[in-house]
Amino acid sequence: MALDLFAGIPVTEYAAALEWYERLLGSPPAFLPNDTEAVWELAEHRYVFIEQRPGRAGHALHTIFVDDLDAIVAQITERGLDPAERETYSNGVRKITYRDPDGNEIGFGGAPL
């Protein structure tokens, strides 16, 4: 079965969110479907997108698992964003959470060291 994933993040102000997500994800969007939506391809057939939808903004909760959590966090820090929260679960899995200007939570997780 072929599978594509589009994970949406509603935002209040498109322009401000676009800048913030470019810093978080380290690149401009892969494509812009319209004037109020931007899409990043995180991996083949796996996308995250922002869309200006003020009435729904601030409620997204997404976690992206990566191979090298420390490297990703260091790169994001170099781009001027600091984590809102750092967690280590009882099984050793770590999660670093960022919050966009609307309060949407984007976490990056990684396996134990």
C-alpha atoms as a PDB file:
ATOM      1  CA  MET A   1       0.000   0.000   0.000  1.00  0.00           C
ATOM      2  CA  ALA A   2       1.387   3.390  -0.985  1.00  0.00           C
ATOM      3  CA  LEU A   3       1.275   5.940   1.795  1.00  0.00           C
ATOM      4  CA  ASP A   4       1.610   9.721   1.816  1.00  0.00           C
ATOM      5  CA  LEU A   5       1.323  11.698   5.031  1.00  0.00           C
ATOM      6  CA  PHE A   6       0.388  15.381   5.248  1.00  0.00           C
ATOM      7  CA  ALA A   7       0.453  16.699   8.841  1.00  0.00           C
ATOM      8  CA  GLY A   8      -1.210  20.107   9.113  1.00  0.00           C
ATOM      9  CA  ILE A   9      -0.460  22.973  11.454  1.00  0.00           C
ATOM     10  CA  PRO A  10      -3.001  25.805  11.622  1.00  0.00           C
ATOM     11  CA  VAL A  11      -1.440  29.242  12.171  1.00  0.00           C
ATOM     12  CA  THR A  12      -2.740  32.752  12.804  1.00  0.00           C
ATOM     13  CA  GLU A  13      -0.299  34.788  10.706  1.00  0.00           C
ATOM     14  CA  TYR A  14       1.021  33.016   7.633  1.00  0.00           C
ATOM     15  CA  ALA A  15       4.063  35.250   6.992  1.00  0.00           C
ATOM     16  CA  ALA A  16       5.332  35.041  10.575  1.00  0.00           C
ATOM     17  CA  ALA A  17       4.749  31.293  10.706  1.00  0.00           C
ATOM     18  CA  LEU A  18       6.489  30.764   7.372  1.00  0.00           C
ATOM     19  CA  GLU A  19       9.637  32.455   8.691  1.00  0.00           C
ATOM     20  CA  TRP A  20       9.524  30.500  11.971  1.00  0.00           C
ATOM     21  CA  TYR A  21       9.070  27.105  10.267  1.00  0.00           C
ATOM     22  CA  GLU A  22      11.843  27.832   7.778  1.00  0.00           C
ATOM     23  CA  ARG A  23      14.132  28.356  10.778  1.00  0.00           C
ATOM     24  CA  LEU A  24      12.842  25.253  12.553  1.00  0.00           C
ATOM     25  CA  LEU A  25      13.050  22.969   9.522  1.00  0.00           C
ATOM     26  CA  GLY A  26      16.157  24.546   7.995  1.00  0.00           C
ATOM     27  CA  SER A  27      14.836  25.216   4.507  1.00  0.00           C
ATOM     28  CA  PRO A  28      12.176  27.012   2.513  1.00  0.00           C
ATOM     29  CA  PRO A  29       9.027  25.027   1.758  1.00  0.00           C
ATOM     30  CA  ALA A  30       9.097  22.324  -0.906  1.00  0.00           C
ATOM     31  CA  PHE A  31       6.062  23.962  -2.464  1.00  0.00           C
ATOM     32  CA  LEU A  32       3.410  26.626  -1.899  1.00  0.00           C
ATOM     33  CA  PRO A  33      -0.081  25.407  -2.866  1.00  0.00           C
ATOM     34  CA  ASN A  34      -1.603  28.881  -2.433  1.00  0.00           C
ATOM     35  CA  ASP A  35      -1.042  32.243  -0.702  1.00  0.00           C
ATOM     36  CA  THR A  36      -1.789  30.934   2.813  1.00  0.00           C
ATOM     37  CA  GLU A  37      -0.220  27.462   2.816  1.00  0.00           C
ATOM     38  CA  ALA A  38       3.350  26.123   2.750  1.00  0.00           C
ATOM     39  CA  VAL A  39       4.498  22.497   2.586  1.00  0.00           C
ATOM     40  CA  TRP A  40       7.819  20.902   3.626  1.00  0.00           C
ATOM     41  CA  GLU A  41       8.782  17.372   2.635  1.00  0.00           C
ATOM     42  CA  LEU A  42      10.483  15.789   5.656  1.00  0.00           C
ATOM     43  CA  ALA A  43      11.067  12.445   3.939  1.00  0.00           C
ATOM     44  CA  GLU A  44       9.741  10.797   0.822  1.00  0.00           C
ATOM     45  CA  HIS A  45       5.942  11.045   0.865  1.00  0.00           C
ATOM     46  CA  ARG A  46       5.934  12.576   4.369  1.00  0.00           C
ATOM     47  CA  TYR A  47       5.011  16.238   4.607  1.00  0.00           C
ATOM     48  CA  VAL A  48       4.252  18.861   7.203  1.00  0.00           C
ATOM     49  CA  PHE A  49       2.344  21.971   6.221  1.00  0.00           C
ATOM     50  CA  ILE A  50       1.243  25.249   7.723  1.00  0.00           C
ATOM     51  CA  GLU A  51      -2.024  26.837   6.780  1.00  0.00           C
ATOM     52  CA  GLN A  52      -3.456  30.171   7.853  1.00  0.00           C
ATOM     53  CA  ARG A  53      -6.525  29.170   9.880  1.00  0.00           C
ATOM     54  CA  PRO A  54      -6.677  31.566  12.845  1.00  0.00           C
ATOM     55  CA  GLY A  55      -9.675  29.926  14.481  1.00  0.00           C
ATOM     56  CA  ARG A  56      -7.810  26.619  14.798  1.00  0.00           C
ATOM     57  CA  ALA A  57      -4.286  27.906  15.437  1.00  0.00           C
ATOM     58  CA  GLY A  58      -2.293  26.754  18.437  1.00  0.00           C
ATOM     59  CA  HIS A  59      -3.624  23.220  18.811  1.00  0.00           C
ATOM     60  CA  ALA A  60      -1.226  21.095  16.724  1.00  0.00           C
ATOM     61  CA  LEU A  61       0.887  18.412  18.406  1.00  0.00           C
ATOM     62  CA  HIS A  62       3.416  16.663  16.169  1.00  0.00           C
ATOM     63  CA  THR A  63       6.530  14.632  16.958  1.00  0.00           C
ATOM     64  CA  ILE A  64       9.156  13.800  14.359  1.00  0.00           C
ATOM     65  CA  PHE A  65      11.603  10.993  15.165  1.00  0.00           C
ATOM     66  CA  VAL A  66      15.116  11.498  13.821  1.00  0.00           C
ATOM     67  CA  ASP A  67      18.323   9.445  13.743  1.00  0.00           C
ATOM     68  CA  ASP A  68      20.559  12.092  15.336  1.00  0.00           C
ATOM     69  CA  LEU A  69      18.532  14.177  17.770  1.00  0.00           C
ATOM     70  CA  ASP A  70      21.525  16.093  19.109  1.00  0.00           C
ATOM     71  CA  ALA A  71      22.579  17.195  15.618  1.00  0.00           C
ATOM     72  CA  ILE A  72      19.053  18.370  14.739  1.00  0.00           C
ATOM     73  CA  VAL A  73      18.725  20.341  17.983  1.00  0.00           C
ATOM     74  CA  ALA A  74      22.164  21.926  17.464  1.00  0.00           C
ATOM     75  CA  GLN A  75      21.209  22.981  13.926  1.00  0.00           C
ATOM     76  CA  ILE A  76      17.921  24.483  15.093  1.00  0.00           C
ATOM     77  CA  THR A  77      19.738  26.344  17.873  1.00  0.00           C
ATOM     78  CA  GLU A  78      22.166  27.767  15.287  1.00  0.00           C
ATOM     79  CA  ARG A  79      19.141  29.102  13.415  1.00  0.00           C
ATOM     80  CA  GLY A  80      18.037  30.990  16.536  1.00  0.00           C
ATOM     81  CA  LEU A  81      15.309  28.800  18.044  1.00  0.00           C
ATOM     82  CA  ASP A  82      15.478  27.345  21.531  1.00  0.00           C
ATOM     83  CA  PRO A  83      13.500  24.370  22.809  1.00  0.00           C
ATOM     84  CA  ALA A  84      10.509  25.010  25.042  1.00  0.00           C
ATOM     85  CA  GLU A  85      10.859  21.643  26.745  1.00  0.00           C
ATOM     86  CA  ARG A  86      13.258  18.692  27.039  1.00  0.00           C
ATOM     87  CA  GLU A  87      12.095  15.287  28.216  1.00  0.00           C
ATOM     88  CA  THR A  88      13.621  11.855  28.725  1.00  0.00           C
ATOM     89  CA  TYR A  89      11.181   8.992  29.119  1.00  0.00           C
ATOM     90  CA  SER A  90      11.707   5.924  31.314  1.00  0.00           C
ATOM     91  CA  ASN A  91      12.779   3.880  28.277  1.00  0.00           C
ATOM     92  CA  GLY A  92      15.519   6.417  27.474  1.00  0.00           C
ATOM     93  CA  VAL A  93      13.782   8.014  24.484  1.00  0.00           C
ATOM     94  CA  ARG A  94      14.315  11.754  24.415  1.00  0.00           C
ATOM     95  CA  LYS A  95      11.972  14.442  23.110  1.00  0.00           C
ATOM     96  CA  ILE A  96      12.756  18.090  22.446  1.00  0.00           C
ATOM     97  CA  THR A  97       9.697  20.316  21.994  1.00  0.00           C
ATOM     98  CA  TYR A  98       9.475  23.651  20.202  1.00  0.00           C
ATOM     99  CA  ARG A  99       6.454  25.954  20.255  1.00  0.00           C
ATOM    100  CA  ASP A 100       5.654  28.251  17.357  1.00  0.00           C
ATOM    101  CA  PRO A 101       4.253  31.780  17.913  1.00  0.00           C
ATOM    102  CA  ASP A 102       0.709  30.338  18.134  1.00  0.00           C
ATOM    103  CA  GLY A 103       1.654  27.649  20.670  1.00  0.00           C
ATOM    104  CA  ASN A 104       1.632  24.707  18.255  1.00  0.00           C
ATOM    105  CA  GLU A 105       4.013  22.036  19.546  1.00  0.00           C
ATOM    106  CA  ILE A 106       6.554  20.420  17.242  1.00  0.00           C
ATOM    107  CA  GLY A 107       8.683  17.803  18.952  1.00  0.00           C
ATOM    108  CA  PHE A 108      11.768  15.975  17.774  1.00  0.00           C
ATOM    109  CA  GLY A 109      12.378  12.576  19.297  1.00  0.00           C
ATOM    110  CA  GLY A 110      15.314  10.255  19.330  1.00  0.00           C
ATOM    111  CA  ALA A 111      16.317   6.839  20.572  1.00  0.00           C
ATOM    112  CA  PRO A 112      18.460   6.502  23.679  1.00  0.00           C
ATOM    113  CA  LEU A 113      22.143   7.320  23.361  1.00  0.00           C
END
